[in-house]
Each structure stands twice: as C-alpha cells, then as structure tokens.
Amino acid sequence: MIRSELLQALAQENPGLRLEEIEKAVSTFFDEIAGRLAGGGRVELRGFGAFSTRSRDARKGRNPRTGEAVDVPGKSVPYFKPGKEMRARLNAD
C-alpha cells in the first residue's frame, strides 16, 4: 500500500471528513513518528508494534564500479518490531 491508497481507504471509511483533513492527519502522524525517531526516541503503538532506531557502526565498503575500498561512516537506521497481536495476525492459519 502506498500513501495515496491509504488516503483513499481512510476517505472511504470516513465520508464525513474532507480529503484535506485526512491528508493533514496522516502527515501529522508520520511527521510525529519521524520527529520522535530523529530525536532518539521510540514510538510504541500497542497491538501494532514499536518504531525505534539502531546504530550501525562505521565500516569499510567497496565502490562497486571501481572495486576501491571506501570508508562508510556510522549512522542510525530506523527499526520496527511488530507487536504480539500483529505477529499473531500475520501467522494465523
């Protein structure tokens, strides 16, 4: 599902809301998650999962074009851990 499909699904389920209101709510939701993660925080949505960040150490990489070794700096990457209910739903028979 892409963002536009999400907006369409929410609009169909909530006919009393204008599309602009739905877009603002979705944008605010994602902006808040991204902002909290950027600040080193964690976002937990009970029954769905938790978003957090993990650190990747600096390492030696390779330029695929030349084969030359390059230094890749350490960085933080987003991480998602599904909740118990989500795992049960995905693995239901």
N, C-alpha and C. Protein backbone atom coordinates (compact mmCIF):
# COMPACT_ATOMS: atom_id res chain seq x y z
N MET A 1 0.85 -1.18 0.00
CA MET A 1 0.00 0.00 0.00
C MET A 1 0.89 1.23 0.00
N ILE A 2 0.54 2.18 -0.84
CA ILE A 2 1.27 3.44 -0.88
C ILE A 2 0.41 4.51 -0.21
N ARG A 3 1.01 5.66 0.01
CA ARG A 3 0.34 6.73 0.74
C ARG A 3 -1.01 7.12 0.14
N SER A 4 -1.08 7.24 -1.19
CA SER A 4 -2.34 7.64 -1.83
C SER A 4 -3.42 6.58 -1.62
N GLU A 5 -3.04 5.31 -1.61
CA GLU A 5 -4.01 4.25 -1.35
C GLU A 5 -4.50 4.31 0.09
N LEU A 6 -3.61 4.62 1.01
CA LEU A 6 -4.01 4.78 2.41
C LEU A 6 -5.00 5.92 2.55
N LEU A 7 -4.72 7.04 1.90
CA LEU A 7 -5.63 8.20 1.97
C LEU A 7 -7.00 7.84 1.39
N GLN A 8 -7.03 7.12 0.28
CA GLN A 8 -8.30 6.72 -0.33
C GLN A 8 -9.08 5.79 0.59
N ALA A 9 -8.40 4.83 1.23
CA ALA A 9 -9.07 3.90 2.14
C ALA A 9 -9.65 4.64 3.34
N LEU A 10 -8.90 5.58 3.89
CA LEU A 10 -9.40 6.37 5.02
C LEU A 10 -10.57 7.25 4.61
N ALA A 11 -10.53 7.79 3.41
CA ALA A 11 -11.63 8.63 2.92
C ALA A 11 -12.90 7.80 2.74
N GLN A 12 -12.77 6.57 2.26
CA GLN A 12 -13.94 5.71 2.08
C GLN A 12 -14.55 5.31 3.42
N GLU A 13 -13.71 5.08 4.42
CA GLU A 13 -14.19 4.68 5.74
C GLU A 13 -14.70 5.86 6.56
N ASN A 14 -14.36 7.08 6.17
CA ASN A 14 -14.75 8.28 6.91
C ASN A 14 -15.33 9.32 5.95
N PRO A 15 -16.54 9.08 5.45
CA PRO A 15 -17.10 10.01 4.46
C PRO A 15 -17.39 11.41 5.02
N GLY A 16 -17.43 11.55 6.33
CA GLY A 16 -17.69 12.85 6.94
C GLY A 16 -16.49 13.76 6.97
N LEU A 17 -15.33 13.24 6.63
CA LEU A 17 -14.10 14.05 6.63
C LEU A 17 -13.72 14.43 5.20
N ARG A 18 -13.23 15.65 5.07
CA ARG A 18 -12.72 16.08 3.75
C ARG A 18 -11.35 15.47 3.51
N LEU A 19 -10.99 15.33 2.26
CA LEU A 19 -9.70 14.74 1.89
C LEU A 19 -8.53 15.54 2.47
N GLU A 20 -8.67 16.86 2.53
CA GLU A 20 -7.61 17.71 3.10
C GLU A 20 -7.40 17.40 4.57
N GLU A 21 -8.48 17.12 5.30
CA GLU A 21 -8.38 16.80 6.72
C GLU A 21 -7.67 15.46 6.92
N ILE A 22 -8.01 14.50 6.07
CA ILE A 22 -7.38 13.19 6.15
C ILE A 22 -5.90 13.29 5.83
N GLU A 23 -5.56 14.05 4.79
CA GLU A 23 -4.15 14.23 4.42
C GLU A 23 -3.37 14.88 5.56
N LYS A 24 -3.96 15.86 6.22
CA LYS A 24 -3.29 16.54 7.33
C LYS A 24 -3.08 15.58 8.50
N ALA A 25 -4.08 14.76 8.80
CA ALA A 25 -3.95 13.80 9.90
C ALA A 25 -2.86 12.77 9.61
N VAL A 26 -2.82 12.25 8.40
CA VAL A 26 -1.80 11.26 8.03
C VAL A 26 -0.41 11.90 8.05
N SER A 27 -0.29 13.10 7.52
CA SER A 27 1.00 13.79 7.52
C SER A 27 1.48 14.06 8.94
N THR A 28 0.58 14.49 9.80
CA THR A 28 0.93 14.75 11.19
C THR A 28 1.39 13.46 11.87
N PHE A 29 0.68 12.37 11.63
CA PHE A 29 1.02 11.07 12.21
C PHE A 29 2.45 10.67 11.83
N PHE A 30 2.76 10.71 10.53
CA PHE A 30 4.09 10.31 10.08
C PHE A 30 5.16 11.30 10.52
N ASP A 31 4.85 12.59 10.53
CA ASP A 31 5.82 13.59 10.97
C ASP A 31 6.18 13.42 12.44
N GLU A 32 5.18 13.08 13.25
CA GLU A 32 5.44 12.89 14.68
C GLU A 32 6.32 11.66 14.92
N ILE A 33 6.05 10.58 14.20
CA ILE A 33 6.89 9.38 14.33
C ILE A 33 8.31 9.70 13.91
N ALA A 34 8.48 10.33 12.74
CA ALA A 34 9.82 10.66 12.23
C ALA A 34 10.54 11.61 13.18
N GLY A 35 9.83 12.60 13.70
CA GLY A 35 10.44 13.55 14.62
C GLY A 35 10.91 12.90 15.91
N ARG A 36 10.11 12.00 16.44
CA ARG A 36 10.49 11.30 17.67
C ARG A 36 11.71 10.41 17.43
N LEU A 37 11.73 9.72 16.30
CA LEU A 37 12.88 8.87 15.99
C LEU A 37 14.14 9.69 15.75
N ALA A 38 13.99 10.84 15.09
CA ALA A 38 15.13 11.71 14.83
C ALA A 38 15.73 12.23 16.13
N GLY A 39 14.88 12.40 17.15
CA GLY A 39 15.35 12.85 18.45
C GLY A 39 15.87 11.73 19.32
N GLY A 40 15.97 10.52 18.77
CA GLY A 40 16.49 9.39 19.53
C GLY A 40 15.45 8.67 20.35
N GLY A 41 14.18 9.01 20.16
CA GLY A 41 13.11 8.40 20.93
C GLY A 41 12.59 7.11 20.33
N ARG A 42 11.49 6.66 20.90
CA ARG A 42 10.85 5.41 20.50
C ARG A 42 9.36 5.67 20.41
N VAL A 43 8.69 5.03 19.45
CA VAL A 43 7.25 5.16 19.29
C VAL A 43 6.64 3.78 19.38
N GLU A 44 5.73 3.59 20.35
CA GLU A 44 5.09 2.29 20.54
C GLU A 44 3.61 2.43 20.27
N LEU A 45 3.09 1.60 19.37
CA LEU A 45 1.67 1.55 19.07
C LEU A 45 1.18 0.18 19.52
N ARG A 46 0.51 0.15 20.66
CA ARG A 46 0.08 -1.13 21.24
C ARG A 46 -0.74 -1.94 20.25
N GLY A 47 -0.43 -3.21 20.15
CA GLY A 47 -1.12 -4.10 19.24
C GLY A 47 -0.58 -4.06 17.82
N PHE A 48 0.23 -3.06 17.51
CA PHE A 48 0.79 -2.95 16.17
C PHE A 48 2.29 -3.21 16.19
N GLY A 49 3.02 -2.40 16.95
CA GLY A 49 4.46 -2.59 17.04
C GLY A 49 5.16 -1.35 17.56
N ALA A 50 6.47 -1.39 17.54
CA ALA A 50 7.27 -0.28 18.06
C ALA A 50 8.32 0.13 17.04
N PHE A 51 8.45 1.43 16.86
CA PHE A 51 9.48 2.01 16.00
C PHE A 51 10.60 2.53 16.89
N SER A 52 11.82 2.26 16.50
CA SER A 52 12.98 2.76 17.24
C SER A 52 14.12 2.93 16.24
N THR A 53 15.27 3.32 16.75
CA THR A 53 16.45 3.43 15.88
C THR A 53 17.53 2.51 16.41
N ARG A 54 18.37 2.08 15.52
CA ARG A 54 19.53 1.28 15.88
C ARG A 54 20.75 1.91 15.24
N SER A 55 21.87 1.75 15.90
CA SER A 55 23.12 2.32 15.40
C SER A 55 23.86 1.29 14.56
N ARG A 56 24.38 1.75 13.45
CA ARG A 56 25.26 0.92 12.63
C ARG A 56 26.66 1.49 12.77
N ASP A 57 27.60 0.63 13.03
CA ASP A 57 28.99 1.05 13.18
C ASP A 57 29.59 1.44 11.84
N ALA A 58 30.63 2.24 11.91
CA ALA A 58 31.38 2.58 10.70
C ALA A 58 32.03 1.30 10.17
N ARG A 59 32.20 1.23 8.86
CA ARG A 59 32.75 0.02 8.26
C ARG A 59 33.48 0.36 6.98
N LYS A 60 34.15 -0.62 6.45
CA LYS A 60 34.80 -0.49 5.15
C LYS A 60 33.83 -1.02 4.11
N GLY A 61 33.59 -0.22 3.07
CA GLY A 61 32.74 -0.63 1.97
C GLY A 61 33.55 -0.72 0.71
N ARG A 62 32.87 -0.97 -0.39
CA ARG A 62 33.56 -1.10 -1.67
C ARG A 62 32.76 -0.37 -2.73
N ASN A 63 33.45 0.43 -3.51
CA ASN A 63 32.83 1.09 -4.64
C ASN A 63 32.58 0.02 -5.70
N PRO A 64 31.31 -0.24 -6.06
CA PRO A 64 31.03 -1.33 -7.00
C PRO A 64 31.59 -1.08 -8.40
N ARG A 65 31.78 0.17 -8.76
CA ARG A 65 32.28 0.48 -10.10
C ARG A 65 33.78 0.25 -10.22
N THR A 66 34.53 0.69 -9.19
CA THR A 66 35.99 0.60 -9.28
C THR A 66 36.58 -0.50 -8.41
N GLY A 67 35.81 -1.00 -7.45
CA GLY A 67 36.33 -2.00 -6.52
C GLY A 67 37.18 -1.41 -5.42
N GLU A 68 37.30 -0.08 -5.42
CA GLU A 68 38.11 0.62 -4.43
C GLU A 68 37.43 0.58 -3.05
N ALA A 69 38.22 0.38 -1.99
CA ALA A 69 37.70 0.38 -0.63
C ALA A 69 37.37 1.81 -0.21
N VAL A 70 36.23 1.99 0.43
CA VAL A 70 35.82 3.31 0.91
C VAL A 70 35.36 3.18 2.36
N ASP A 71 35.51 4.26 3.12
CA ASP A 71 35.03 4.29 4.49
C ASP A 71 33.55 4.68 4.49
N VAL A 72 32.73 3.88 5.16
CA VAL A 72 31.31 4.18 5.31
C VAL A 72 31.12 4.59 6.77
N PRO A 73 30.65 5.82 7.02
CA PRO A 73 30.51 6.29 8.40
C PRO A 73 29.37 5.57 9.13
N GLY A 74 29.45 5.57 10.45
CA GLY A 74 28.38 5.01 11.26
C GLY A 74 27.13 5.86 11.13
N LYS A 75 25.97 5.25 11.36
CA LYS A 75 24.72 6.00 11.24
C LYS A 75 23.63 5.32 12.04
N SER A 76 22.53 6.03 12.22
CA SER A 76 21.34 5.48 12.85
C SER A 76 20.36 5.09 11.76
N VAL A 77 19.71 3.95 11.94
CA VAL A 77 18.72 3.47 10.97
C VAL A 77 17.42 3.16 11.69
N PRO A 78 16.27 3.35 11.03
CA PRO A 78 15.00 3.03 11.67
C PRO A 78 14.82 1.52 11.81
N TYR A 79 14.12 1.12 12.85
CA TYR A 79 13.88 -0.29 13.12
C TYR A 79 12.43 -0.43 13.58
N PHE A 80 11.76 -1.48 13.11
CA PHE A 80 10.38 -1.75 13.51
C PHE A 80 10.29 -3.14 14.10
N LYS A 81 9.69 -3.25 15.27
CA LYS A 81 9.48 -4.56 15.89
C LYS A 81 7.97 -4.75 16.01
N PRO A 82 7.41 -5.74 15.31
CA PRO A 82 5.96 -5.94 15.37
C PRO A 82 5.52 -6.39 16.76
N GLY A 83 4.30 -5.98 17.13
CA GLY A 83 3.73 -6.36 18.41
C GLY A 83 3.21 -7.79 18.38
N LYS A 84 2.86 -8.27 19.55
CA LYS A 84 2.38 -9.64 19.69
C LYS A 84 1.12 -9.89 18.86
N GLU A 85 0.17 -8.96 18.87
CA GLU A 85 -1.06 -9.12 18.12
C GLU A 85 -0.80 -9.11 16.61
N MET A 86 0.14 -8.26 16.18
CA MET A 86 0.50 -8.20 14.77
C MET A 86 1.11 -9.52 14.31
N ARG A 87 2.02 -10.06 15.09
CA ARG A 87 2.65 -11.34 14.74
C ARG A 87 1.60 -12.45 14.67
N ALA A 88 0.67 -12.46 15.62
CA ALA A 88 -0.38 -13.48 15.63
C ALA A 88 -1.27 -13.35 14.39
N ARG A 89 -1.57 -12.13 14.01
CA ARG A 89 -2.42 -11.89 12.85
C ARG A 89 -1.72 -12.32 11.55
N LEU A 90 -0.43 -12.07 11.46
CA LEU A 90 0.32 -12.44 10.26
C LEU A 90 0.51 -13.95 10.13
N ASN A 91 0.55 -14.63 11.26
CA ASN A 91 0.81 -16.06 11.24
C ASN A 91 -0.44 -16.91 11.49
N ALA A 92 -1.62 -16.30 11.38
CA ALA A 92 -2.86 -17.05 11.58
C ALA A 92 -3.06 -18.00 10.40
N ASP A 93 -3.58 -19.17 10.69
CA ASP A 93 -3.81 -20.16 9.61
C ASP A 93 -5.12 -19.95 8.92
